[in-house]
Amino acid sequence: MNTIANSSDRSVCLQDRTPYCDRIDLKAPDIEGARLGWWKFKDPFHPEFRPILRRQLLERKEELEDPWCFGLFVDNEISWGEETSLAEWTLQSPATQPAKVEFVRRLQGKYGSLAALNRAWQTSYCSWDDLLQTEQKPPAGAREDCTEFSTVLAEAYFRNVHDEFKSVAPNLLYLGCRFAGATKTAV
């Protein structure tokens, strides 16, 4: 099957002669502590994540209704870092970062008390708010929790994109994010 690749000249795609796909670069809020790549990782827990994606999809109404368009990628060459990076970047973000608030909420549920978290992580946080306020790289004792939350972030990202995509464009293929390196969790 011959197709026109994403990021090709739009006027060529819309000639109605060859099947094509395209790409949307999601403009949702970033995880502010992200350190690698061309673009920061988007915060799938931010309340504007899905509404922004919906607006961006609806701006592509011509492609969404074009029978020659078989699908869209959402995002391009996301920076995943290492297996713990998404969570580490989240913890290095401001206290208002929605993903950080979610991570701390999950830690509270898992550990029950700050003393238990401090033992596990070998830290000395004075309060849960102290953890929220810090923007330091997490200690080595946090590795297991960071690996787990990096998985949560990747799953939330793909679930939110897939669900919003299918609600707006049920007859098109959601083609993923175009990987250029990734963690096992992301793949």
N, C-alpha and C. Protein backbone atom coordinates (compact mmCIF):
# COMPACT_ATOMS: atom_id res chain seq x y z
N MET A 1 0.85 -1.18 0.00
CA MET A 1 0.00 0.00 0.00
C MET A 1 0.89 1.23 0.00
N ASN A 2 0.65 2.14 -0.88
CA ASN A 2 1.37 3.41 -0.91
C ASN A 2 0.57 4.46 -0.15
N THR A 3 1.27 5.28 0.61
CA THR A 3 0.62 6.36 1.33
C THR A 3 1.53 7.58 1.32
N ILE A 4 0.96 8.70 1.70
CA ILE A 4 1.73 9.91 1.94
C ILE A 4 1.98 9.96 3.44
N ALA A 5 3.20 10.16 3.82
CA ALA A 5 3.59 10.12 5.23
C ALA A 5 3.15 11.37 5.98
N ASN A 6 3.08 11.23 7.30
CA ASN A 6 2.75 12.40 8.11
C ASN A 6 3.81 13.48 7.91
N SER A 7 3.45 14.70 8.20
CA SER A 7 4.32 15.87 8.05
C SER A 7 4.62 16.20 6.59
N SER A 8 3.86 15.62 5.68
CA SER A 8 4.01 15.96 4.26
C SER A 8 3.21 17.23 3.95
N ASP A 9 3.45 17.76 2.77
CA ASP A 9 2.76 18.97 2.33
C ASP A 9 1.25 18.72 2.33
N ARG A 10 0.52 19.52 3.08
CA ARG A 10 -0.93 19.34 3.22
C ARG A 10 -1.65 19.42 1.87
N SER A 11 -1.18 20.28 0.98
CA SER A 11 -1.85 20.42 -0.31
C SER A 11 -1.73 19.14 -1.14
N VAL A 12 -0.66 18.39 -0.96
CA VAL A 12 -0.52 17.11 -1.65
C VAL A 12 -1.49 16.09 -1.05
N CYS A 13 -1.57 16.08 0.27
CA CYS A 13 -2.48 15.14 0.95
C CYS A 13 -3.93 15.35 0.52
N LEU A 14 -4.33 16.59 0.37
CA LEU A 14 -5.73 16.90 0.10
C LEU A 14 -6.10 16.86 -1.39
N GLN A 15 -5.24 16.27 -2.21
CA GLN A 15 -5.55 16.13 -3.64
C GLN A 15 -6.49 14.95 -3.91
N ASP A 16 -6.78 14.17 -2.88
CA ASP A 16 -7.68 13.02 -3.01
C ASP A 16 -7.22 12.04 -4.08
N ARG A 17 -5.92 11.69 -3.98
CA ARG A 17 -5.38 10.73 -4.95
C ARG A 17 -4.65 9.58 -4.27
N THR A 18 -4.18 9.82 -3.03
CA THR A 18 -3.38 8.82 -2.33
C THR A 18 -3.75 8.83 -0.85
N PRO A 19 -3.92 7.66 -0.23
CA PRO A 19 -4.18 7.64 1.21
C PRO A 19 -3.03 8.32 1.96
N TYR A 20 -3.38 8.94 3.07
CA TYR A 20 -2.35 9.65 3.85
C TYR A 20 -2.67 9.62 5.34
N CYS A 21 -1.65 9.94 6.10
CA CYS A 21 -1.81 10.16 7.54
C CYS A 21 -1.16 11.50 7.86
N ASP A 22 -1.46 12.01 9.05
CA ASP A 22 -0.88 13.28 9.46
C ASP A 22 -0.55 13.22 10.94
N ARG A 23 -0.09 14.33 11.48
CA ARG A 23 0.35 14.38 12.87
C ARG A 23 -0.15 15.66 13.53
N ILE A 24 -0.48 15.54 14.80
CA ILE A 24 -0.82 16.69 15.63
C ILE A 24 0.21 16.76 16.75
N ASP A 25 0.80 17.92 16.94
CA ASP A 25 1.69 18.13 18.09
C ASP A 25 0.85 18.71 19.21
N LEU A 26 0.60 17.90 20.22
CA LEU A 26 -0.27 18.28 21.33
C LEU A 26 0.27 19.51 22.05
N LYS A 27 -0.60 20.49 22.26
CA LYS A 27 -0.22 21.75 22.90
C LYS A 27 -0.63 21.81 24.37
N ALA A 28 -0.93 20.67 24.97
CA ALA A 28 -1.36 20.62 26.37
C ALA A 28 -0.22 21.06 27.29
N PRO A 29 -0.54 21.41 28.54
CA PRO A 29 0.49 21.84 29.49
C PRO A 29 1.55 20.76 29.73
N ASP A 30 2.78 21.23 29.91
CA ASP A 30 3.93 20.35 30.11
C ASP A 30 4.06 19.91 31.56
N ILE A 31 4.83 18.86 31.75
CA ILE A 31 5.38 18.57 33.07
C ILE A 31 6.62 19.46 33.16
N GLU A 32 6.55 20.47 33.98
CA GLU A 32 7.54 21.54 34.00
C GLU A 32 8.96 21.07 34.32
N GLY A 33 9.08 20.01 35.08
CA GLY A 33 10.41 19.53 35.46
C GLY A 33 11.10 18.69 34.41
N ALA A 34 10.44 18.44 33.28
CA ALA A 34 11.03 17.60 32.22
C ALA A 34 12.34 18.22 31.75
N ARG A 35 13.33 17.37 31.54
CA ARG A 35 14.68 17.85 31.27
C ARG A 35 15.24 17.52 29.89
N LEU A 36 14.65 16.58 29.18
CA LEU A 36 15.24 16.11 27.92
C LEU A 36 14.37 16.44 26.72
N GLY A 37 14.99 16.40 25.55
CA GLY A 37 14.25 16.39 24.31
C GLY A 37 13.88 17.76 23.76
N TRP A 38 13.24 17.71 22.60
CA TRP A 38 12.81 18.92 21.91
C TRP A 38 11.60 19.52 22.59
N TRP A 39 10.72 18.64 23.11
CA TRP A 39 9.51 19.08 23.77
C TRP A 39 9.43 18.42 25.13
N LYS A 40 8.87 19.13 26.09
CA LYS A 40 8.65 18.54 27.40
C LYS A 40 7.47 17.57 27.32
N PHE A 41 7.49 16.58 28.20
CA PHE A 41 6.39 15.62 28.27
C PHE A 41 5.15 16.34 28.76
N LYS A 42 4.01 16.03 28.17
CA LYS A 42 2.74 16.66 28.53
C LYS A 42 2.16 16.01 29.78
N ASP A 43 1.48 16.79 30.58
CA ASP A 43 0.91 16.31 31.84
C ASP A 43 -0.49 15.74 31.60
N PRO A 44 -0.62 14.40 31.57
CA PRO A 44 -1.93 13.80 31.29
C PRO A 44 -2.93 13.98 32.43
N PHE A 45 -2.48 14.46 33.59
CA PHE A 45 -3.39 14.72 34.71
C PHE A 45 -3.87 16.16 34.73
N HIS A 46 -3.34 16.98 33.86
CA HIS A 46 -3.77 18.38 33.81
C HIS A 46 -5.20 18.43 33.28
N PRO A 47 -6.08 19.22 33.91
CA PRO A 47 -7.47 19.26 33.46
C PRO A 47 -7.65 19.78 32.04
N GLU A 48 -6.67 20.45 31.48
CA GLU A 48 -6.78 20.96 30.11
C GLU A 48 -6.24 19.99 29.06
N PHE A 49 -5.65 18.88 29.49
CA PHE A 49 -5.03 17.93 28.56
C PHE A 49 -6.02 17.48 27.48
N ARG A 50 -7.13 16.91 27.88
CA ARG A 50 -8.10 16.40 26.91
C ARG A 50 -8.84 17.50 26.16
N PRO A 51 -9.29 18.59 26.82
CA PRO A 51 -9.95 19.65 26.06
C PRO A 51 -9.05 20.26 24.98
N ILE A 52 -7.78 20.41 25.27
CA ILE A 52 -6.86 20.96 24.26
C ILE A 52 -6.73 20.00 23.09
N LEU A 53 -6.56 18.72 23.38
CA LEU A 53 -6.47 17.74 22.30
C LEU A 53 -7.75 17.75 21.47
N ARG A 54 -8.90 17.80 22.12
CA ARG A 54 -10.18 17.85 21.39
C ARG A 54 -10.21 19.05 20.45
N ARG A 55 -9.84 20.23 20.95
CA ARG A 55 -9.83 21.43 20.10
C ARG A 55 -8.88 21.26 18.92
N GLN A 56 -7.70 20.71 19.17
CA GLN A 56 -6.75 20.52 18.09
C GLN A 56 -7.27 19.54 17.04
N LEU A 57 -7.93 18.50 17.49
CA LEU A 57 -8.51 17.55 16.54
C LEU A 57 -9.61 18.21 15.71
N LEU A 58 -10.49 18.95 16.37
CA LEU A 58 -11.59 19.59 15.65
C LEU A 58 -11.10 20.65 14.67
N GLU A 59 -9.93 21.22 14.93
CA GLU A 59 -9.33 22.16 13.97
C GLU A 59 -8.92 21.44 12.68
N ARG A 60 -8.82 20.13 12.72
CA ARG A 60 -8.44 19.32 11.57
C ARG A 60 -9.66 18.69 10.91
N LYS A 61 -10.79 19.35 11.00
CA LYS A 61 -12.05 18.80 10.51
C LYS A 61 -11.93 18.28 9.07
N GLU A 62 -11.22 19.00 8.23
CA GLU A 62 -11.10 18.57 6.83
C GLU A 62 -10.45 17.19 6.73
N GLU A 63 -9.37 16.97 7.49
CA GLU A 63 -8.72 15.66 7.47
C GLU A 63 -9.59 14.60 8.14
N LEU A 64 -10.27 14.97 9.23
CA LEU A 64 -11.09 14.00 9.95
C LEU A 64 -12.22 13.46 9.08
N GLU A 65 -12.70 14.27 8.16
CA GLU A 65 -13.81 13.86 7.29
C GLU A 65 -13.35 13.38 5.91
N ASP A 66 -12.07 13.43 5.65
CA ASP A 66 -11.53 13.05 4.34
C ASP A 66 -11.37 11.53 4.26
N PRO A 67 -12.03 10.87 3.33
CA PRO A 67 -11.90 9.41 3.24
C PRO A 67 -10.48 8.95 2.87
N TRP A 68 -9.65 9.85 2.38
CA TRP A 68 -8.28 9.50 2.04
C TRP A 68 -7.36 9.49 3.26
N CYS A 69 -7.79 10.13 4.33
CA CYS A 69 -7.00 10.17 5.57
C CYS A 69 -7.34 8.93 6.39
N PHE A 70 -6.34 8.08 6.63
CA PHE A 70 -6.62 6.86 7.38
C PHE A 70 -6.26 6.97 8.85
N GLY A 71 -5.52 8.01 9.25
CA GLY A 71 -5.19 8.14 10.66
C GLY A 71 -4.27 9.30 10.96
N LEU A 72 -4.10 9.52 12.25
CA LEU A 72 -3.25 10.61 12.73
C LEU A 72 -2.34 10.11 13.84
N PHE A 73 -1.13 10.63 13.85
CA PHE A 73 -0.24 10.49 15.00
C PHE A 73 -0.55 11.67 15.92
N VAL A 74 -0.42 11.47 17.21
CA VAL A 74 -0.50 12.56 18.17
C VAL A 74 0.85 12.62 18.86
N ASP A 75 1.55 13.69 18.63
CA ASP A 75 2.89 13.96 19.15
C ASP A 75 3.95 13.28 18.31
N ASN A 76 5.16 13.77 18.50
CA ASN A 76 6.28 13.33 17.68
C ASN A 76 7.53 13.22 18.54
N GLU A 77 8.11 12.04 18.56
CA GLU A 77 9.40 11.82 19.20
C GLU A 77 9.44 12.37 20.63
N ILE A 78 8.52 11.91 21.44
CA ILE A 78 8.44 12.32 22.84
C ILE A 78 9.71 11.90 23.58
N SER A 79 10.14 12.72 24.52
CA SER A 79 11.28 12.38 25.37
C SER A 79 10.78 11.59 26.57
N TRP A 80 11.17 10.33 26.62
CA TRP A 80 10.75 9.45 27.71
C TRP A 80 11.81 9.34 28.79
N GLY A 81 13.07 9.63 28.45
CA GLY A 81 14.15 9.48 29.42
C GLY A 81 14.38 8.02 29.74
N GLU A 82 14.71 7.74 31.00
CA GLU A 82 14.92 6.38 31.49
C GLU A 82 13.63 5.88 32.14
N GLU A 83 13.66 4.67 32.68
CA GLU A 83 12.46 4.06 33.26
C GLU A 83 11.84 4.88 34.40
N THR A 84 12.63 5.70 35.08
CA THR A 84 12.13 6.49 36.21
C THR A 84 11.97 7.97 35.88
N SER A 85 12.37 8.39 34.71
CA SER A 85 12.48 9.82 34.39
C SER A 85 11.16 10.59 34.47
N LEU A 86 10.08 10.03 33.95
CA LEU A 86 8.82 10.78 33.96
C LEU A 86 8.43 11.16 35.39
N ALA A 87 8.56 10.22 36.31
CA ALA A 87 8.24 10.50 37.71
C ALA A 87 9.25 11.45 38.33
N GLU A 88 10.52 11.28 38.02
CA GLU A 88 11.54 12.18 38.56
C GLU A 88 11.28 13.61 38.09
N TRP A 89 10.96 13.77 36.82
CA TRP A 89 10.66 15.11 36.29
C TRP A 89 9.43 15.68 36.96
N THR A 90 8.47 14.81 37.25
CA THR A 90 7.26 15.24 37.93
C THR A 90 7.60 15.78 39.32
N LEU A 91 8.45 15.05 40.04
CA LEU A 91 8.82 15.49 41.39
C LEU A 91 9.69 16.75 41.36
N GLN A 92 10.32 17.03 40.24
CA GLN A 92 11.13 18.24 40.10
C GLN A 92 10.31 19.42 39.58
N SER A 93 9.02 19.25 39.49
CA SER A 93 8.11 20.28 39.02
C SER A 93 7.55 21.08 40.19
N PRO A 94 6.93 22.23 39.91
CA PRO A 94 6.30 23.02 40.97
C PRO A 94 5.19 22.25 41.69
N ALA A 95 4.87 22.69 42.89
CA ALA A 95 3.85 22.03 43.72
C ALA A 95 2.48 22.01 43.07
N THR A 96 2.22 22.92 42.16
CA THR A 96 0.91 22.99 41.50
C THR A 96 0.78 22.07 40.30
N GLN A 97 1.85 21.38 39.93
CA GLN A 97 1.82 20.47 38.77
C GLN A 97 0.80 19.37 39.04
N PRO A 98 -0.26 19.24 38.22
CA PRO A 98 -1.28 18.22 38.49
C PRO A 98 -0.73 16.80 38.62
N ALA A 99 0.24 16.43 37.79
CA ALA A 99 0.82 15.08 37.90
C ALA A 99 1.54 14.92 39.24
N LYS A 100 2.18 15.97 39.73
CA LYS A 100 2.87 15.89 41.02
C LYS A 100 1.87 15.73 42.15
N VAL A 101 0.79 16.47 42.09
CA VAL A 101 -0.27 16.34 43.10
C VAL A 101 -0.80 14.91 43.10
N GLU A 102 -1.00 14.32 41.92
CA GLU A 102 -1.47 12.94 41.81
C GLU A 102 -0.44 11.96 42.36
N PHE A 103 0.83 12.17 42.07
CA PHE A 103 1.89 11.28 42.56
C PHE A 103 1.91 11.30 44.09
N VAL A 104 1.87 12.48 44.68
CA VAL A 104 1.89 12.58 46.15
C VAL A 104 0.64 11.93 46.74
N ARG A 105 -0.50 12.11 46.10
CA ARG A 105 -1.73 11.47 46.57
C ARG A 105 -1.58 9.95 46.57
N ARG A 106 -0.99 9.41 45.53
CA ARG A 106 -0.78 7.96 45.45
C ARG A 106 0.22 7.49 46.51
N LEU A 107 1.26 8.29 46.75
CA LEU A 107 2.23 7.94 47.78
C LEU A 107 1.58 7.93 49.16
N GLN A 108 0.70 8.90 49.41
CA GLN A 108 -0.03 8.92 50.69
C GLN A 108 -0.86 7.65 50.86
N GLY A 109 -1.51 7.22 49.79
CA GLY A 109 -2.30 6.00 49.84
C GLY A 109 -1.45 4.75 50.04
N LYS A 110 -0.31 4.72 49.41
CA LYS A 110 0.57 3.55 49.52
C LYS A 110 1.22 3.45 50.89
N TYR A 111 1.78 4.56 51.37
CA TYR A 111 2.57 4.53 52.60
C TYR A 111 1.74 4.83 53.85
N GLY A 112 0.64 5.52 53.70
CA GLY A 112 -0.20 5.82 54.86
C GLY A 112 0.33 6.93 55.74
N SER A 113 1.60 6.91 56.01
CA SER A 113 2.20 7.95 56.86
C SER A 113 3.47 8.47 56.21
N LEU A 114 3.78 9.69 56.56
CA LEU A 114 5.01 10.30 56.06
C LEU A 114 6.23 9.58 56.61
N ALA A 115 6.13 9.10 57.84
CA ALA A 115 7.25 8.37 58.44
C ALA A 115 7.59 7.13 57.61
N ALA A 116 6.57 6.42 57.13
CA ALA A 116 6.81 5.23 56.30
C ALA A 116 7.48 5.61 54.98
N LEU A 117 7.03 6.70 54.37
CA LEU A 117 7.69 7.16 53.13
C LEU A 117 9.13 7.55 53.42
N ASN A 118 9.36 8.30 54.48
CA ASN A 118 10.72 8.71 54.83
C ASN A 118 11.64 7.51 55.05
N ARG A 119 11.13 6.45 55.69
CA ARG A 119 11.94 5.23 55.88
C ARG A 119 12.27 4.59 54.53
N ALA A 120 11.25 4.45 53.69
CA ALA A 120 11.45 3.80 52.39
C ALA A 120 12.40 4.59 51.49
N TRP A 121 12.23 5.89 51.47
CA TRP A 121 13.03 6.73 50.59
C TRP A 121 14.31 7.22 51.23
N GLN A 122 14.45 6.99 52.54
CA GLN A 122 15.59 7.50 53.30
C GLN A 122 15.66 9.02 53.19
N THR A 123 14.52 9.64 53.50
CA THR A 123 14.40 11.10 53.45
C THR A 123 13.93 11.60 54.80
N SER A 124 13.80 12.92 54.91
CA SER A 124 13.34 13.51 56.18
C SER A 124 12.34 14.63 55.90
N TYR A 125 11.36 14.35 55.05
CA TYR A 125 10.32 15.34 54.79
C TYR A 125 9.56 15.60 56.09
N CYS A 126 9.24 16.86 56.34
CA CYS A 126 8.50 17.24 57.55
C CYS A 126 6.99 17.12 57.37
N SER A 127 6.54 17.16 56.12
CA SER A 127 5.10 17.07 55.83
C SER A 127 4.94 16.65 54.37
N TRP A 128 3.71 16.23 54.04
CA TRP A 128 3.43 15.91 52.64
C TRP A 128 3.57 17.16 51.78
N ASP A 129 3.23 18.30 52.34
CA ASP A 129 3.39 19.56 51.61
C ASP A 129 4.86 19.84 51.34
N ASP A 130 5.72 19.45 52.26
CA ASP A 130 7.17 19.59 52.08
C ASP A 130 7.61 18.82 50.83
N LEU A 131 7.08 17.61 50.66
CA LEU A 131 7.37 16.81 49.46
C LEU A 131 6.84 17.52 48.22
N LEU A 132 5.63 18.05 48.29
CA LEU A 132 5.06 18.78 47.15
C LEU A 132 5.91 20.00 46.78
N GLN A 133 6.43 20.70 47.76
CA GLN A 133 7.16 21.95 47.52
C GLN A 133 8.57 21.72 46.97
N THR A 134 9.19 20.60 47.31
CA THR A 134 10.56 20.39 46.85
C THR A 134 10.60 20.16 45.34
N GLU A 135 11.64 20.65 44.72
CA GLU A 135 11.84 20.44 43.29
C GLU A 135 13.19 19.75 43.05
N GLN A 136 13.64 19.03 44.06
CA GLN A 136 14.92 18.31 43.98
C GLN A 136 14.72 16.95 43.32
N LYS A 137 15.79 16.44 42.74
CA LYS A 137 15.74 15.09 42.19
C LYS A 137 15.48 14.12 43.35
N PRO A 138 14.59 13.16 43.17
CA PRO A 138 14.28 12.23 44.26
C PRO A 138 15.49 11.35 44.60
N PRO A 139 15.55 10.88 45.84
CA PRO A 139 16.67 10.04 46.26
C PRO A 139 16.60 8.64 45.65
N ALA A 140 17.69 7.90 45.77
CA ALA A 140 17.76 6.53 45.23
C ALA A 140 16.68 5.64 45.82
N GLY A 141 16.28 5.88 47.05
CA GLY A 141 15.24 5.08 47.69
C GLY A 141 13.87 5.21 47.03
N ALA A 142 13.71 6.21 46.18
CA ALA A 142 12.43 6.44 45.51
C ALA A 142 12.32 5.69 44.18
N ARG A 143 13.36 4.96 43.80
CA ARG A 143 13.42 4.35 42.46
C ARG A 143 12.18 3.50 42.14
N GLU A 144 11.79 2.62 43.04
CA GLU A 144 10.64 1.74 42.78
C GLU A 144 9.37 2.55 42.55
N ASP A 145 9.14 3.55 43.40
CA ASP A 145 7.95 4.38 43.25
C ASP A 145 8.02 5.21 41.98
N CYS A 146 9.21 5.67 41.62
CA CYS A 146 9.35 6.46 40.38
C CYS A 146 9.13 5.60 39.14
N THR A 147 9.60 4.36 39.18
CA THR A 147 9.35 3.45 38.06
C THR A 147 7.85 3.21 37.92
N GLU A 148 7.19 2.97 39.06
CA GLU A 148 5.74 2.72 39.05
C GLU A 148 4.97 3.93 38.54
N PHE A 149 5.33 5.13 39.01
CA PHE A 149 4.56 6.30 38.58
C PHE A 149 4.89 6.70 37.14
N SER A 150 6.09 6.40 36.68
CA SER A 150 6.39 6.64 35.26
C SER A 150 5.48 5.80 34.39
N THR A 151 5.20 4.58 34.83
CA THR A 151 4.25 3.71 34.12
C THR A 151 2.85 4.31 34.16
N VAL A 152 2.45 4.81 35.32
CA VAL A 152 1.13 5.45 35.46
C VAL A 152 1.01 6.64 34.50
N LEU A 153 2.06 7.45 34.41
CA LEU A 153 2.04 8.61 33.52
C LEU A 153 1.92 8.20 32.06
N ALA A 154 2.71 7.21 31.64
CA ALA A 154 2.66 6.75 30.25
C ALA A 154 1.27 6.19 29.92
N GLU A 155 0.74 5.38 30.84
CA GLU A 155 -0.60 4.82 30.61
C GLU A 155 -1.67 5.90 30.56
N ALA A 156 -1.58 6.89 31.44
CA ALA A 156 -2.56 7.99 31.45
C ALA A 156 -2.45 8.81 30.16
N TYR A 157 -1.23 9.05 29.70
CA TYR A 157 -1.03 9.79 28.46
C TYR A 157 -1.72 9.07 27.30
N PHE A 158 -1.38 7.80 27.09
CA PHE A 158 -1.93 7.07 25.96
C PHE A 158 -3.44 6.84 26.09
N ARG A 159 -3.93 6.56 27.29
CA ARG A 159 -5.37 6.36 27.49
C ARG A 159 -6.14 7.64 27.18
N ASN A 160 -5.67 8.77 27.71
CA ASN A 160 -6.36 10.04 27.46
C ASN A 160 -6.35 10.40 25.99
N VAL A 161 -5.20 10.24 25.33
CA VAL A 161 -5.14 10.55 23.90
C VAL A 161 -6.06 9.62 23.12
N HIS A 162 -5.96 8.32 23.38
CA HIS A 162 -6.79 7.36 22.66
C HIS A 162 -8.28 7.65 22.85
N ASP A 163 -8.69 7.84 24.10
CA ASP A 163 -10.11 8.03 24.37
C ASP A 163 -10.65 9.31 23.74
N GLU A 164 -9.90 10.39 23.84
CA GLU A 164 -10.35 11.66 23.24
C GLU A 164 -10.33 11.55 21.71
N PHE A 165 -9.29 10.95 21.18
CA PHE A 165 -9.17 10.77 19.73
C PHE A 165 -10.38 9.99 19.20
N LYS A 166 -10.69 8.87 19.83
CA LYS A 166 -11.79 8.03 19.35
C LYS A 166 -13.15 8.70 19.54
N SER A 167 -13.27 9.59 20.54
CA SER A 167 -14.56 10.29 20.70
C SER A 167 -14.77 11.33 19.60
N VAL A 168 -13.69 11.89 19.09
CA VAL A 168 -13.78 12.91 18.04
C VAL A 168 -13.69 12.28 16.64
N ALA A 169 -12.83 11.28 16.48
CA ALA A 169 -12.57 10.70 15.16
C ALA A 169 -12.67 9.17 15.23
N PRO A 170 -13.86 8.63 15.47
CA PRO A 170 -14.00 7.18 15.67
C PRO A 170 -13.61 6.33 14.46
N ASN A 171 -13.63 6.92 13.27
CA ASN A 171 -13.35 6.13 12.07
C ASN A 171 -11.92 6.25 11.58
N LEU A 172 -11.09 6.99 12.30
CA LEU A 172 -9.68 7.11 11.93
C LEU A 172 -8.83 6.29 12.88
N LEU A 173 -7.64 5.93 12.42
CA LEU A 173 -6.69 5.22 13.26
C LEU A 173 -5.90 6.21 14.11
N TYR A 174 -5.82 5.94 15.41
CA TYR A 174 -4.87 6.66 16.26
C TYR A 174 -3.57 5.90 16.11
N LEU A 175 -2.57 6.51 15.51
CA LEU A 175 -1.34 5.82 15.13
C LEU A 175 -0.23 5.91 16.16
N GLY A 176 -0.52 6.48 17.33
CA GLY A 176 0.50 6.56 18.37
C GLY A 176 1.20 7.91 18.34
N CYS A 177 2.43 7.91 18.87
CA CYS A 177 3.13 9.18 19.04
C CYS A 177 4.41 9.29 18.23
N ARG A 178 4.73 8.35 17.39
CA ARG A 178 5.97 8.34 16.62
C ARG A 178 7.17 8.27 17.58
N PHE A 179 7.61 7.10 17.85
CA PHE A 179 8.73 6.88 18.76
C PHE A 179 10.07 7.16 18.07
N ALA A 180 10.95 7.78 18.80
CA ALA A 180 12.36 7.93 18.40
C ALA A 180 13.15 7.66 19.69
N GLY A 181 13.11 6.42 20.10
CA GLY A 181 13.64 6.05 21.41
C GLY A 181 12.52 6.05 22.42
N ALA A 182 12.56 5.11 23.33
CA ALA A 182 11.51 5.02 24.34
C ALA A 182 11.93 4.07 25.44
N THR A 183 11.19 4.08 26.52
CA THR A 183 11.38 3.10 27.59
C THR A 183 10.47 1.91 27.31
N LYS A 184 10.72 0.81 28.00
CA LYS A 184 9.84 -0.36 27.86
C LYS A 184 8.42 -0.01 28.27
N THR A 185 8.30 0.80 29.30
CA THR A 185 6.99 1.23 29.80
C THR A 185 6.22 1.96 28.72
N ALA A 186 6.88 2.88 28.03
CA ALA A 186 6.20 3.67 27.00
C ALA A 186 5.76 2.78 25.84
N VAL A 187 6.62 1.89 25.44
CA VAL A 187 6.29 1.00 24.32
C VAL A 187 5.20 0.04 24.74
